Amino acid sequence: MRDFSIARRRMVEGQVIARGITDQRVIDAMLKVPRHKFVEEALQSQAYQDAPLPIGERQTISQPYMVAVMSQSLALSGSETVLEIGTGSGYQAAVLALLADRVFSLERIPSLARRARKVLDECGFSKVNIRVADGTRGWQEMAPFDAIMVTAGAPEVPQDYLDQLAVGGRLVIPVGDRTSQVLMRITRTGAREYEDERILGCRFVPLVGSCAWQEE
């Protein structure tokens, strides 16, 4: 069986640390999570390259740098309850599981949710909770969340995300059109008060659901 530990360290050193990620907890998490387990066997040799990879159903696993940027932007200390929108491969959820206390993840495609559940369990991340649902509505029963991460591009910020964010909580979401977005961080500063920041330009698959894009 191939040892990917050297490739993983090179990924973190060359794509994460070298590009300005300074949160040591994020760095440590990405050193621990076996990214190659979250892609198809035929693509495992490419798992630690600085690029997104297909995971089926017209979805992708995000490039390592983007995973690091989004994780760092949530500013997690380890005690938080986090909602992830778009489980996909499960890789980002695994990273979040090392950074937060509880992770809830929504995936609209049942086959991806099943595969992510299997890989997460095999890798020791059983505490990640996955539900198949319309992710644009959030997970009201488990709200409020200290942090929400959206791993697909939205035309605008769904109101349910804002409503389900705890005061002081952070929402990281790509906002734009179907082909390019700006990664935003929105902090809830009061009952009806929010502050937003632009982080960087990005390109994600569309966020599909009743409060976002319709499936083509």
N, C-alpha and C. Protein backbone atom coordinates (compact mmCIF):
# COMPACT_ATOMS: atom_id res chain seq x y z
N MET A 1 0.85 -1.19 0.00
CA MET A 1 0.00 0.00 0.00
C MET A 1 0.89 1.25 0.00
N ARG A 2 0.57 2.19 -0.87
CA ARG A 2 1.39 3.38 -1.01
C ARG A 2 1.29 4.28 0.23
N ASP A 3 2.43 4.85 0.62
CA ASP A 3 2.47 5.78 1.75
C ASP A 3 2.36 7.20 1.19
N PHE A 4 1.28 7.88 1.54
CA PHE A 4 1.04 9.24 1.02
C PHE A 4 1.50 10.32 2.00
N SER A 5 2.15 9.96 3.10
CA SER A 5 2.48 10.94 4.13
C SER A 5 3.43 12.03 3.62
N ILE A 6 4.38 11.65 2.78
CA ILE A 6 5.32 12.64 2.24
C ILE A 6 4.59 13.60 1.32
N ALA A 7 3.72 13.06 0.46
CA ALA A 7 2.95 13.91 -0.44
C ALA A 7 2.05 14.86 0.34
N ARG A 8 1.48 14.37 1.44
CA ARG A 8 0.60 15.22 2.25
C ARG A 8 1.39 16.35 2.90
N ARG A 9 2.57 16.05 3.41
CA ARG A 9 3.38 17.10 4.02
C ARG A 9 3.81 18.13 2.98
N ARG A 10 4.18 17.67 1.81
CA ARG A 10 4.55 18.61 0.75
C ARG A 10 3.39 19.49 0.35
N MET A 11 2.19 18.91 0.32
CA MET A 11 0.99 19.69 0.02
C MET A 11 0.82 20.81 1.04
N VAL A 12 0.93 20.47 2.30
CA VAL A 12 0.73 21.47 3.36
C VAL A 12 1.83 22.53 3.32
N GLU A 13 3.04 22.11 3.14
CA GLU A 13 4.15 23.08 3.11
C GLU A 13 4.09 23.97 1.88
N GLY A 14 3.80 23.37 0.72
CA GLY A 14 3.87 24.12 -0.52
C GLY A 14 2.60 24.85 -0.91
N GLN A 15 1.45 24.35 -0.48
CA GLN A 15 0.19 24.93 -0.92
C GLN A 15 -0.57 25.65 0.18
N VAL A 16 -0.23 25.34 1.41
CA VAL A 16 -0.95 25.91 2.55
C VAL A 16 -0.09 26.93 3.27
N ILE A 17 1.00 26.48 3.85
CA ILE A 17 1.87 27.40 4.59
C ILE A 17 2.51 28.43 3.67
N ALA A 18 3.02 27.98 2.53
CA ALA A 18 3.72 28.89 1.61
C ALA A 18 2.80 29.96 1.03
N ARG A 19 1.48 29.70 1.05
CA ARG A 19 0.53 30.66 0.49
C ARG A 19 -0.16 31.49 1.56
N GLY A 20 0.39 31.47 2.78
CA GLY A 20 -0.05 32.43 3.79
C GLY A 20 -0.98 31.94 4.87
N ILE A 21 -1.26 30.64 4.92
CA ILE A 21 -2.11 30.13 6.01
C ILE A 21 -1.26 30.04 7.27
N THR A 22 -1.73 30.66 8.35
CA THR A 22 -0.96 30.76 9.58
C THR A 22 -1.61 30.06 10.78
N ASP A 23 -2.87 29.68 10.66
CA ASP A 23 -3.57 29.02 11.77
C ASP A 23 -2.98 27.62 11.96
N GLN A 24 -2.26 27.42 13.06
CA GLN A 24 -1.57 26.16 13.26
C GLN A 24 -2.53 24.99 13.40
N ARG A 25 -3.71 25.24 13.92
CA ARG A 25 -4.69 24.16 14.05
C ARG A 25 -5.15 23.68 12.68
N VAL A 26 -5.32 24.60 11.74
CA VAL A 26 -5.69 24.23 10.38
C VAL A 26 -4.56 23.45 9.72
N ILE A 27 -3.34 23.92 9.89
CA ILE A 27 -2.17 23.25 9.33
C ILE A 27 -2.07 21.82 9.88
N ASP A 28 -2.22 21.67 11.18
CA ASP A 28 -2.12 20.35 11.80
C ASP A 28 -3.23 19.42 11.30
N ALA A 29 -4.45 19.97 11.16
CA ALA A 29 -5.56 19.15 10.69
C ALA A 29 -5.31 18.64 9.28
N MET A 30 -4.78 19.49 8.43
CA MET A 30 -4.54 19.08 7.05
C MET A 30 -3.36 18.13 6.93
N LEU A 31 -2.49 18.14 7.90
CA LEU A 31 -1.41 17.15 7.95
C LEU A 31 -1.93 15.78 8.37
N LYS A 32 -3.04 15.76 9.09
CA LYS A 32 -3.57 14.50 9.62
C LYS A 32 -4.58 13.82 8.70
N VAL A 33 -5.39 14.59 7.99
CA VAL A 33 -6.47 13.99 7.21
C VAL A 33 -5.93 13.39 5.90
N PRO A 34 -6.16 12.10 5.66
CA PRO A 34 -5.66 11.44 4.44
C PRO A 34 -6.51 11.79 3.23
N ARG A 35 -6.18 12.88 2.58
CA ARG A 35 -6.98 13.39 1.47
C ARG A 35 -7.20 12.35 0.36
N HIS A 36 -6.22 11.50 0.14
CA HIS A 36 -6.35 10.52 -0.94
C HIS A 36 -7.49 9.53 -0.71
N LYS A 37 -7.89 9.36 0.54
CA LYS A 37 -8.99 8.44 0.84
C LYS A 37 -10.34 8.99 0.35
N PHE A 38 -10.41 10.28 0.11
CA PHE A 38 -11.67 10.93 -0.22
C PHE A 38 -11.89 11.11 -1.72
N VAL A 39 -11.00 10.54 -2.53
CA VAL A 39 -11.19 10.54 -3.98
C VAL A 39 -11.16 9.11 -4.49
N GLU A 40 -11.58 8.93 -5.73
CA GLU A 40 -11.56 7.60 -6.32
C GLU A 40 -10.13 7.08 -6.40
N GLU A 41 -9.98 5.77 -6.33
CA GLU A 41 -8.65 5.16 -6.33
C GLU A 41 -7.82 5.59 -7.55
N ALA A 42 -8.46 5.74 -8.70
CA ALA A 42 -7.74 6.12 -9.91
C ALA A 42 -7.16 7.53 -9.84
N LEU A 43 -7.67 8.35 -8.92
CA LEU A 43 -7.21 9.74 -8.79
C LEU A 43 -6.34 9.96 -7.57
N GLN A 44 -6.07 8.90 -6.82
CA GLN A 44 -5.34 9.09 -5.56
C GLN A 44 -3.95 9.67 -5.76
N SER A 45 -3.31 9.37 -6.88
CA SER A 45 -1.97 9.91 -7.13
C SER A 45 -2.00 11.43 -7.33
N GLN A 46 -3.19 11.99 -7.60
CA GLN A 46 -3.34 13.44 -7.80
C GLN A 46 -3.93 14.14 -6.57
N ALA A 47 -4.21 13.39 -5.53
CA ALA A 47 -4.96 13.93 -4.39
C ALA A 47 -4.27 15.08 -3.69
N TYR A 48 -2.95 15.15 -3.75
CA TYR A 48 -2.23 16.18 -3.01
C TYR A 48 -1.71 17.30 -3.91
N GLN A 49 -2.20 17.34 -5.15
CA GLN A 49 -1.88 18.44 -6.04
C GLN A 49 -2.75 19.65 -5.71
N ASP A 50 -2.31 20.81 -6.15
CA ASP A 50 -3.05 22.04 -5.86
C ASP A 50 -4.15 22.26 -6.88
N ALA A 51 -5.15 21.40 -6.83
CA ALA A 51 -6.24 21.47 -7.80
C ALA A 51 -7.46 20.74 -7.26
N PRO A 52 -8.66 21.18 -7.67
CA PRO A 52 -9.86 20.41 -7.36
C PRO A 52 -9.87 19.14 -8.19
N LEU A 53 -10.60 18.13 -7.74
CA LEU A 53 -10.71 16.87 -8.48
C LEU A 53 -12.18 16.44 -8.54
N PRO A 54 -12.58 15.78 -9.61
CA PRO A 54 -13.97 15.31 -9.71
C PRO A 54 -14.24 14.18 -8.72
N ILE A 55 -15.45 14.18 -8.17
CA ILE A 55 -15.85 13.11 -7.24
C ILE A 55 -17.14 12.45 -7.71
N GLY A 56 -17.57 12.76 -8.94
CA GLY A 56 -18.81 12.21 -9.46
C GLY A 56 -19.97 13.16 -9.28
N GLU A 57 -21.05 12.92 -10.02
CA GLU A 57 -22.27 13.72 -9.94
C GLU A 57 -22.02 15.20 -10.24
N ARG A 58 -21.02 15.47 -11.08
CA ARG A 58 -20.64 16.84 -11.47
C ARG A 58 -20.19 17.70 -10.29
N GLN A 59 -19.67 17.04 -9.26
CA GLN A 59 -19.17 17.73 -8.07
C GLN A 59 -17.66 17.54 -7.97
N THR A 60 -17.03 18.34 -7.10
CA THR A 60 -15.58 18.27 -6.96
C THR A 60 -15.17 18.30 -5.49
N ILE A 61 -13.96 17.84 -5.23
CA ILE A 61 -13.30 18.08 -3.95
C ILE A 61 -12.46 19.34 -4.15
N SER A 62 -12.58 20.30 -3.26
CA SER A 62 -11.91 21.59 -3.43
C SER A 62 -10.39 21.44 -3.36
N GLN A 63 -9.70 22.37 -4.01
CA GLN A 63 -8.24 22.36 -3.94
C GLN A 63 -7.80 22.56 -2.49
N PRO A 64 -6.68 22.00 -2.10
CA PRO A 64 -6.22 22.09 -0.70
C PRO A 64 -6.13 23.52 -0.18
N TYR A 65 -5.62 24.43 -0.99
CA TYR A 65 -5.49 25.82 -0.53
C TYR A 65 -6.85 26.41 -0.16
N MET A 66 -7.87 26.13 -0.98
CA MET A 66 -9.19 26.69 -0.68
C MET A 66 -9.77 26.08 0.60
N VAL A 67 -9.54 24.80 0.82
CA VAL A 67 -9.97 24.17 2.07
C VAL A 67 -9.31 24.88 3.25
N ALA A 68 -8.02 25.18 3.12
CA ALA A 68 -7.29 25.84 4.20
C ALA A 68 -7.79 27.26 4.43
N VAL A 69 -8.02 28.01 3.35
CA VAL A 69 -8.51 29.39 3.47
C VAL A 69 -9.87 29.42 4.16
N MET A 70 -10.77 28.57 3.72
CA MET A 70 -12.12 28.57 4.30
C MET A 70 -12.10 28.12 5.75
N SER A 71 -11.27 27.14 6.06
CA SER A 71 -11.16 26.66 7.44
C SER A 71 -10.58 27.73 8.34
N GLN A 72 -9.54 28.39 7.89
CA GLN A 72 -8.92 29.46 8.69
C GLN A 72 -9.89 30.62 8.88
N SER A 73 -10.69 30.91 7.87
CA SER A 73 -11.61 32.04 7.94
C SER A 73 -12.69 31.86 9.01
N LEU A 74 -12.98 30.62 9.37
CA LEU A 74 -13.96 30.38 10.43
C LEU A 74 -13.41 30.66 11.82
N ALA A 75 -12.07 30.73 11.95
CA ALA A 75 -11.43 31.06 13.23
C ALA A 75 -11.93 30.18 14.37
N LEU A 76 -11.81 28.87 14.18
CA LEU A 76 -12.33 27.91 15.17
C LEU A 76 -11.32 27.64 16.28
N SER A 77 -11.83 27.52 17.51
CA SER A 77 -10.97 27.25 18.66
C SER A 77 -11.06 25.81 19.13
N GLY A 78 -12.12 25.09 18.71
CA GLY A 78 -12.28 23.71 19.12
C GLY A 78 -13.56 23.43 19.88
N SER A 79 -14.26 24.47 20.31
CA SER A 79 -15.47 24.29 21.11
C SER A 79 -16.76 24.50 20.33
N GLU A 80 -16.64 24.81 19.05
CA GLU A 80 -17.79 25.26 18.27
C GLU A 80 -18.64 24.11 17.70
N THR A 81 -19.88 24.50 17.39
CA THR A 81 -20.77 23.65 16.59
C THR A 81 -20.81 24.26 15.20
N VAL A 82 -20.47 23.44 14.19
CA VAL A 82 -20.30 23.94 12.83
C VAL A 82 -21.28 23.25 11.89
N LEU A 83 -21.84 24.03 10.97
CA LEU A 83 -22.67 23.50 9.90
C LEU A 83 -21.90 23.63 8.59
N GLU A 84 -21.80 22.52 7.86
CA GLU A 84 -21.21 22.54 6.53
C GLU A 84 -22.32 22.30 5.51
N ILE A 85 -22.35 23.11 4.47
CA ILE A 85 -23.31 22.94 3.39
C ILE A 85 -22.56 22.35 2.20
N GLY A 86 -22.89 21.12 1.84
CA GLY A 86 -22.23 20.44 0.73
C GLY A 86 -21.16 19.48 1.22
N THR A 87 -21.58 18.32 1.68
CA THR A 87 -20.63 17.33 2.19
C THR A 87 -19.64 16.89 1.13
N GLY A 88 -20.15 16.66 -0.09
CA GLY A 88 -19.28 16.24 -1.18
C GLY A 88 -18.53 14.97 -0.85
N SER A 89 -17.21 15.04 -0.94
CA SER A 89 -16.37 13.88 -0.67
C SER A 89 -16.28 13.56 0.82
N GLY A 90 -16.52 14.57 1.67
CA GLY A 90 -16.35 14.41 3.12
C GLY A 90 -15.02 14.93 3.63
N TYR A 91 -14.13 15.33 2.73
CA TYR A 91 -12.79 15.77 3.16
C TYR A 91 -12.85 17.03 4.03
N GLN A 92 -13.60 18.04 3.56
CA GLN A 92 -13.69 19.26 4.36
C GLN A 92 -14.33 18.99 5.72
N ALA A 93 -15.31 18.11 5.76
CA ALA A 93 -15.94 17.76 7.04
C ALA A 93 -14.94 17.12 7.98
N ALA A 94 -14.04 16.30 7.44
CA ALA A 94 -13.02 15.68 8.27
C ALA A 94 -12.08 16.72 8.87
N VAL A 95 -11.69 17.69 8.06
CA VAL A 95 -10.84 18.78 8.57
C VAL A 95 -11.59 19.54 9.66
N LEU A 96 -12.84 19.85 9.42
CA LEU A 96 -13.63 20.58 10.43
C LEU A 96 -13.78 19.77 11.71
N ALA A 97 -13.87 18.45 11.59
CA ALA A 97 -14.01 17.60 12.78
C ALA A 97 -12.82 17.71 13.71
N LEU A 98 -11.65 18.05 13.16
CA LEU A 98 -10.45 18.24 13.98
C LEU A 98 -10.35 19.66 14.53
N LEU A 99 -11.18 20.54 14.03
CA LEU A 99 -11.10 21.95 14.42
C LEU A 99 -12.23 22.39 15.34
N ALA A 100 -13.34 21.64 15.36
CA ALA A 100 -14.53 22.04 16.12
C ALA A 100 -14.99 20.91 17.03
N ASP A 101 -15.98 21.20 17.85
CA ASP A 101 -16.53 20.19 18.75
C ASP A 101 -17.53 19.30 18.04
N ARG A 102 -18.47 19.91 17.31
CA ARG A 102 -19.50 19.14 16.61
C ARG A 102 -19.62 19.65 15.17
N VAL A 103 -19.80 18.72 14.23
CA VAL A 103 -19.93 19.07 12.82
C VAL A 103 -21.19 18.44 12.25
N PHE A 104 -22.03 19.27 11.66
CA PHE A 104 -23.23 18.82 10.96
C PHE A 104 -23.06 19.19 9.49
N SER A 105 -23.32 18.23 8.61
CA SER A 105 -23.07 18.45 7.19
C SER A 105 -24.28 18.03 6.37
N LEU A 106 -24.66 18.88 5.42
CA LEU A 106 -25.81 18.63 4.55
C LEU A 106 -25.35 18.35 3.13
N GLU A 107 -25.91 17.32 2.53
CA GLU A 107 -25.59 16.96 1.14
C GLU A 107 -26.88 16.62 0.42
N ARG A 108 -27.09 17.19 -0.77
CA ARG A 108 -28.34 16.96 -1.49
C ARG A 108 -28.31 15.70 -2.35
N ILE A 109 -27.11 15.13 -2.62
CA ILE A 109 -26.99 13.98 -3.50
C ILE A 109 -26.75 12.73 -2.66
N PRO A 110 -27.72 11.82 -2.61
CA PRO A 110 -27.61 10.65 -1.72
C PRO A 110 -26.36 9.81 -1.94
N SER A 111 -25.95 9.58 -3.17
CA SER A 111 -24.78 8.74 -3.43
C SER A 111 -23.51 9.34 -2.85
N LEU A 112 -23.38 10.65 -2.92
CA LEU A 112 -22.20 11.31 -2.34
C LEU A 112 -22.25 11.23 -0.81
N ALA A 113 -23.43 11.41 -0.25
CA ALA A 113 -23.57 11.33 1.21
C ALA A 113 -23.19 9.94 1.71
N ARG A 114 -23.63 8.90 0.99
CA ARG A 114 -23.31 7.53 1.40
C ARG A 114 -21.81 7.27 1.35
N ARG A 115 -21.18 7.69 0.27
CA ARG A 115 -19.74 7.45 0.14
C ARG A 115 -18.96 8.25 1.19
N ALA A 116 -19.36 9.50 1.41
CA ALA A 116 -18.69 10.32 2.42
C ALA A 116 -18.82 9.69 3.80
N ARG A 117 -20.01 9.20 4.12
CA ARG A 117 -20.24 8.55 5.41
C ARG A 117 -19.30 7.36 5.59
N LYS A 118 -19.17 6.56 4.54
CA LYS A 118 -18.33 5.37 4.60
C LYS A 118 -16.86 5.75 4.82
N VAL A 119 -16.37 6.72 4.06
CA VAL A 119 -14.95 7.10 4.17
C VAL A 119 -14.68 7.78 5.51
N LEU A 120 -15.58 8.65 5.94
CA LEU A 120 -15.40 9.31 7.23
C LEU A 120 -15.33 8.30 8.37
N ASP A 121 -16.19 7.31 8.33
CA ASP A 121 -16.16 6.27 9.36
C ASP A 121 -14.86 5.48 9.31
N GLU A 122 -14.42 5.13 8.12
CA GLU A 122 -13.18 4.37 7.97
C GLU A 122 -11.97 5.16 8.48
N CYS A 123 -12.03 6.48 8.36
CA CYS A 123 -10.91 7.33 8.77
C CYS A 123 -11.03 7.83 10.21
N GLY A 124 -12.07 7.40 10.92
CA GLY A 124 -12.19 7.75 12.33
C GLY A 124 -12.92 9.04 12.61
N PHE A 125 -13.75 9.50 11.65
CA PHE A 125 -14.49 10.75 11.84
C PHE A 125 -15.98 10.49 11.97
N SER A 126 -16.32 9.53 12.79
CA SER A 126 -17.72 9.13 12.95
C SER A 126 -18.58 10.21 13.59
N LYS A 127 -17.96 11.18 14.26
CA LYS A 127 -18.75 12.20 14.94
C LYS A 127 -19.35 13.23 13.97
N VAL A 128 -18.94 13.21 12.71
CA VAL A 128 -19.56 14.09 11.72
C VAL A 128 -20.98 13.59 11.43
N ASN A 129 -21.94 14.46 11.57
CA ASN A 129 -23.35 14.12 11.31
C ASN A 129 -23.72 14.56 9.90
N ILE A 130 -24.20 13.63 9.07
CA ILE A 130 -24.57 13.92 7.68
C ILE A 130 -26.06 13.70 7.49
N ARG A 131 -26.68 14.64 6.78
CA ARG A 131 -28.09 14.49 6.41
C ARG A 131 -28.24 14.80 4.93
N VAL A 132 -29.06 14.01 4.25
CA VAL A 132 -29.41 14.29 2.85
C VAL A 132 -30.60 15.24 2.86
N ALA A 133 -30.40 16.44 2.33
CA ALA A 133 -31.46 17.45 2.38
C ALA A 133 -31.09 18.61 1.46
N ASP A 134 -32.04 19.52 1.29
CA ASP A 134 -31.80 20.77 0.58
C ASP A 134 -30.94 21.66 1.48
N GLY A 135 -29.67 21.76 1.13
CA GLY A 135 -28.74 22.49 1.98
C GLY A 135 -29.00 23.98 2.05
N THR A 136 -29.76 24.53 1.11
CA THR A 136 -29.98 25.97 1.12
C THR A 136 -30.90 26.41 2.25
N ARG A 137 -31.52 25.44 2.93
CA ARG A 137 -32.41 25.77 4.05
C ARG A 137 -31.72 25.60 5.40
N GLY A 138 -30.49 25.15 5.40
CA GLY A 138 -29.78 24.95 6.65
C GLY A 138 -30.31 23.75 7.42
N TRP A 139 -30.00 23.73 8.73
CA TRP A 139 -30.41 22.61 9.59
C TRP A 139 -30.99 23.23 10.86
N GLN A 140 -32.24 23.67 10.77
CA GLN A 140 -32.86 24.47 11.82
C GLN A 140 -32.85 23.78 13.18
N GLU A 141 -33.07 22.46 13.21
CA GLU A 141 -33.17 21.76 14.49
C GLU A 141 -31.89 21.84 15.31
N MET A 142 -30.74 22.01 14.65
CA MET A 142 -29.46 22.02 15.35
C MET A 142 -28.90 23.43 15.54
N ALA A 143 -29.61 24.42 15.05
CA ALA A 143 -29.17 25.81 15.19
C ALA A 143 -29.36 26.29 16.63
N PRO A 144 -28.63 27.32 17.07
CA PRO A 144 -27.73 28.14 16.26
C PRO A 144 -26.35 27.52 16.12
N PHE A 145 -25.65 27.92 15.06
CA PHE A 145 -24.30 27.43 14.78
C PHE A 145 -23.28 28.53 15.04
N ASP A 146 -22.16 28.13 15.60
CA ASP A 146 -21.07 29.08 15.81
C ASP A 146 -20.36 29.41 14.51
N ALA A 147 -20.47 28.50 13.55
CA ALA A 147 -19.85 28.72 12.25
C ALA A 147 -20.61 27.94 11.19
N ILE A 148 -20.71 28.52 10.00
CA ILE A 148 -21.32 27.86 8.85
C ILE A 148 -20.38 27.99 7.67
N MET A 149 -20.10 26.88 7.00
CA MET A 149 -19.26 26.89 5.81
C MET A 149 -20.08 26.35 4.64
N VAL A 150 -20.07 27.10 3.54
CA VAL A 150 -20.80 26.70 2.34
C VAL A 150 -19.79 26.39 1.25
N THR A 151 -19.82 25.17 0.74
CA THR A 151 -18.80 24.74 -0.23
C THR A 151 -19.35 24.69 -1.64
N ALA A 152 -20.26 25.61 -1.97
CA ALA A 152 -20.79 25.77 -3.31
C ALA A 152 -21.17 27.23 -3.49
N GLY A 153 -21.14 27.69 -4.75
CA GLY A 153 -21.36 29.10 -5.02
C GLY A 153 -22.82 29.49 -5.05
N ALA A 154 -23.19 30.52 -4.29
CA ALA A 154 -24.57 30.97 -4.18
C ALA A 154 -24.78 32.29 -4.93
N PRO A 155 -25.98 32.51 -5.50
CA PRO A 155 -26.25 33.80 -6.14
C PRO A 155 -26.39 34.93 -5.12
N GLU A 156 -26.78 34.57 -3.91
CA GLU A 156 -26.87 35.51 -2.79
C GLU A 156 -26.86 34.68 -1.51
N VAL A 157 -26.76 35.33 -0.38
CA VAL A 157 -26.69 34.61 0.89
C VAL A 157 -28.11 34.21 1.33
N PRO A 158 -28.41 32.92 1.43
CA PRO A 158 -29.74 32.51 1.90
C PRO A 158 -30.03 33.03 3.31
N GLN A 159 -31.23 33.52 3.49
CA GLN A 159 -31.61 34.10 4.78
C GLN A 159 -31.53 33.07 5.91
N ASP A 160 -31.83 31.81 5.59
CA ASP A 160 -31.79 30.78 6.64
C ASP A 160 -30.40 30.65 7.26
N TYR A 161 -29.36 30.84 6.48
CA TYR A 161 -28.01 30.77 7.05
C TYR A 161 -27.81 31.89 8.06
N LEU A 162 -28.23 33.08 7.71
CA LEU A 162 -28.08 34.22 8.62
C LEU A 162 -28.88 34.00 9.90
N ASP A 163 -30.09 33.48 9.74
CA ASP A 163 -30.95 33.25 10.90
C ASP A 163 -30.40 32.16 11.82
N GLN A 164 -29.72 31.18 11.25
CA GLN A 164 -29.22 30.04 12.03
C GLN A 164 -27.83 30.26 12.60
N LEU A 165 -27.26 31.42 12.34
CA LEU A 165 -25.93 31.75 12.85
C LEU A 165 -26.04 32.37 14.23
N ALA A 166 -25.25 31.88 15.17
CA ALA A 166 -25.25 32.45 16.52
C ALA A 166 -24.64 33.86 16.51
N VAL A 167 -25.01 34.67 17.45
CA VAL A 167 -24.38 35.98 17.59
C VAL A 167 -22.89 35.76 17.87
N GLY A 168 -22.06 36.41 17.10
CA GLY A 168 -20.62 36.20 17.17
C GLY A 168 -20.13 35.14 16.21
N GLY A 169 -21.07 34.42 15.56
CA GLY A 169 -20.71 33.35 14.65
C GLY A 169 -20.27 33.86 13.29
N ARG A 170 -19.56 32.99 12.54
CA ARG A 170 -19.03 33.35 11.23
C ARG A 170 -19.62 32.44 10.16
N LEU A 171 -20.00 33.03 9.05
CA LEU A 171 -20.47 32.32 7.87
C LEU A 171 -19.49 32.58 6.75
N VAL A 172 -18.96 31.51 6.15
CA VAL A 172 -18.05 31.63 5.00
C VAL A 172 -18.76 31.05 3.80
N ILE A 173 -18.92 31.85 2.75
CA ILE A 173 -19.72 31.43 1.61
C ILE A 173 -19.24 32.09 0.32
N PRO A 174 -19.14 31.35 -0.79
CA PRO A 174 -18.84 31.95 -2.09
C PRO A 174 -20.12 32.54 -2.68
N VAL A 175 -20.08 33.79 -3.11
CA VAL A 175 -21.25 34.46 -3.66
C VAL A 175 -20.91 35.04 -5.02
N GLY A 176 -21.77 34.77 -6.02
CA GLY A 176 -21.53 35.30 -7.36
C GLY A 176 -22.43 34.62 -8.36
N ASP A 177 -21.92 34.43 -9.59
CA ASP A 177 -22.72 33.75 -10.60
C ASP A 177 -22.33 32.27 -10.65
N ARG A 178 -22.77 31.57 -11.68
CA ARG A 178 -22.52 30.13 -11.75
C ARG A 178 -21.07 29.78 -12.06
N THR A 179 -20.30 30.72 -12.56
CA THR A 179 -18.94 30.41 -12.98
C THR A 179 -17.85 31.03 -12.12
N SER A 180 -18.15 32.09 -11.40
CA SER A 180 -17.13 32.71 -10.54
C SER A 180 -17.81 33.41 -9.37
N GLN A 181 -17.12 33.41 -8.25
CA GLN A 181 -17.68 34.00 -7.03
C GLN A 181 -16.59 34.75 -6.24
N VAL A 182 -17.03 35.41 -5.21
CA VAL A 182 -16.14 36.01 -4.22
C VAL A 182 -16.41 35.29 -2.90
N LEU A 183 -15.36 34.82 -2.26
CA LEU A 183 -15.53 34.18 -0.96
C LEU A 183 -15.74 35.26 0.09
N MET A 184 -16.87 35.16 0.79
CA MET A 184 -17.25 36.16 1.79
C MET A 184 -17.23 35.55 3.19
N ARG A 185 -16.88 36.37 4.17
CA ARG A 185 -17.05 35.99 5.57
C ARG A 185 -18.03 36.98 6.19
N ILE A 186 -19.11 36.45 6.73
CA ILE A 186 -20.14 37.27 7.34
C ILE A 186 -20.20 36.94 8.83
N THR A 187 -20.05 37.94 9.66
CA THR A 187 -20.07 37.77 11.11
C THR A 187 -21.35 38.37 11.67
N ARG A 188 -22.05 37.59 12.47
CA ARG A 188 -23.26 38.11 13.11
C ARG A 188 -22.86 38.87 14.37
N THR A 189 -23.07 40.17 14.37
CA THR A 189 -22.62 41.02 15.48
C THR A 189 -23.74 41.37 16.45
N GLY A 190 -24.98 41.07 16.08
CA GLY A 190 -26.12 41.36 16.94
C GLY A 190 -27.33 40.59 16.46
N ALA A 191 -28.48 40.84 17.10
CA ALA A 191 -29.69 40.11 16.75
C ALA A 191 -30.02 40.23 15.27
N ARG A 192 -29.84 41.42 14.71
CA ARG A 192 -30.12 41.65 13.30
C ARG A 192 -29.00 42.42 12.63
N GLU A 193 -27.81 42.23 13.13
CA GLU A 193 -26.67 42.98 12.62
C GLU A 193 -25.59 42.02 12.13
N TYR A 194 -25.05 42.36 10.96
CA TYR A 194 -24.04 41.50 10.33
C TYR A 194 -22.95 42.38 9.72
N GLU A 195 -21.74 41.86 9.74
CA GLU A 195 -20.63 42.51 9.04
C GLU A 195 -20.07 41.53 8.02
N ASP A 196 -19.76 42.03 6.83
CA ASP A 196 -19.22 41.13 5.82
C ASP A 196 -17.85 41.59 5.32
N GLU A 197 -17.04 40.60 4.93
CA GLU A 197 -15.69 40.84 4.41
C GLU A 197 -15.50 40.03 3.15
N ARG A 198 -14.79 40.61 2.20
CA ARG A 198 -14.40 39.88 1.00
C ARG A 198 -13.04 39.23 1.27
N ILE A 199 -12.94 37.94 0.99
CA ILE A 199 -11.68 37.24 1.25
C ILE A 199 -10.87 37.08 -0.03
N LEU A 200 -11.45 36.45 -1.04
CA LEU A 200 -10.75 36.30 -2.32
C LEU A 200 -11.72 35.81 -3.40
N GLY A 201 -11.29 35.93 -4.65
CA GLY A 201 -12.07 35.39 -5.75
C GLY A 201 -11.94 33.88 -5.79
N CYS A 202 -12.98 33.20 -6.25
CA CYS A 202 -12.97 31.74 -6.24
C CYS A 202 -13.93 31.21 -7.29
N ARG A 203 -13.90 29.89 -7.46
CA ARG A 203 -14.82 29.24 -8.40
C ARG A 203 -15.27 27.92 -7.83
N PHE A 204 -16.54 27.83 -7.48
CA PHE A 204 -17.14 26.63 -6.92
C PHE A 204 -18.26 26.13 -7.83
N VAL A 205 -18.63 24.87 -7.65
CA VAL A 205 -19.84 24.37 -8.29
C VAL A 205 -21.03 25.14 -7.73
N PRO A 206 -22.13 25.26 -8.48
CA PRO A 206 -23.28 26.03 -8.00
C PRO A 206 -23.95 25.41 -6.77
N LEU A 207 -24.42 26.28 -5.89
CA LEU A 207 -25.25 25.86 -4.77
C LEU A 207 -26.67 25.67 -5.28
N VAL A 208 -27.15 24.45 -5.28
CA VAL A 208 -28.45 24.12 -5.86
C VAL A 208 -29.47 23.87 -4.75
N GLY A 209 -30.64 24.48 -4.89
CA GLY A 209 -31.68 24.25 -3.90
C GLY A 209 -32.77 25.30 -4.02
N SER A 210 -33.74 25.24 -3.15
CA SER A 210 -34.89 26.13 -3.24
C SER A 210 -34.55 27.59 -2.99
N CYS A 211 -33.44 27.84 -2.29
CA CYS A 211 -33.05 29.22 -1.98
C CYS A 211 -31.78 29.63 -2.70
N ALA A 212 -31.45 28.95 -3.78
CA ALA A 212 -30.25 29.29 -4.54
C ALA A 212 -30.51 28.98 -6.02
N TRP A 213 -29.54 28.38 -6.71
CA TRP A 213 -29.71 28.05 -8.11
C TRP A 213 -30.61 26.83 -8.29
N GLN A 214 -31.28 26.78 -9.42
CA GLN A 214 -32.06 25.60 -9.78
C GLN A 214 -31.17 24.67 -10.59
N GLU A 215 -31.40 23.37 -10.47
CA GLU A 215 -30.57 22.41 -11.16
C GLU A 215 -30.81 22.49 -12.67
N GLU A 216 -29.72 22.49 -13.45
CA GLU A 216 -29.83 22.57 -14.90
C GLU A 216 -30.06 21.19 -15.51
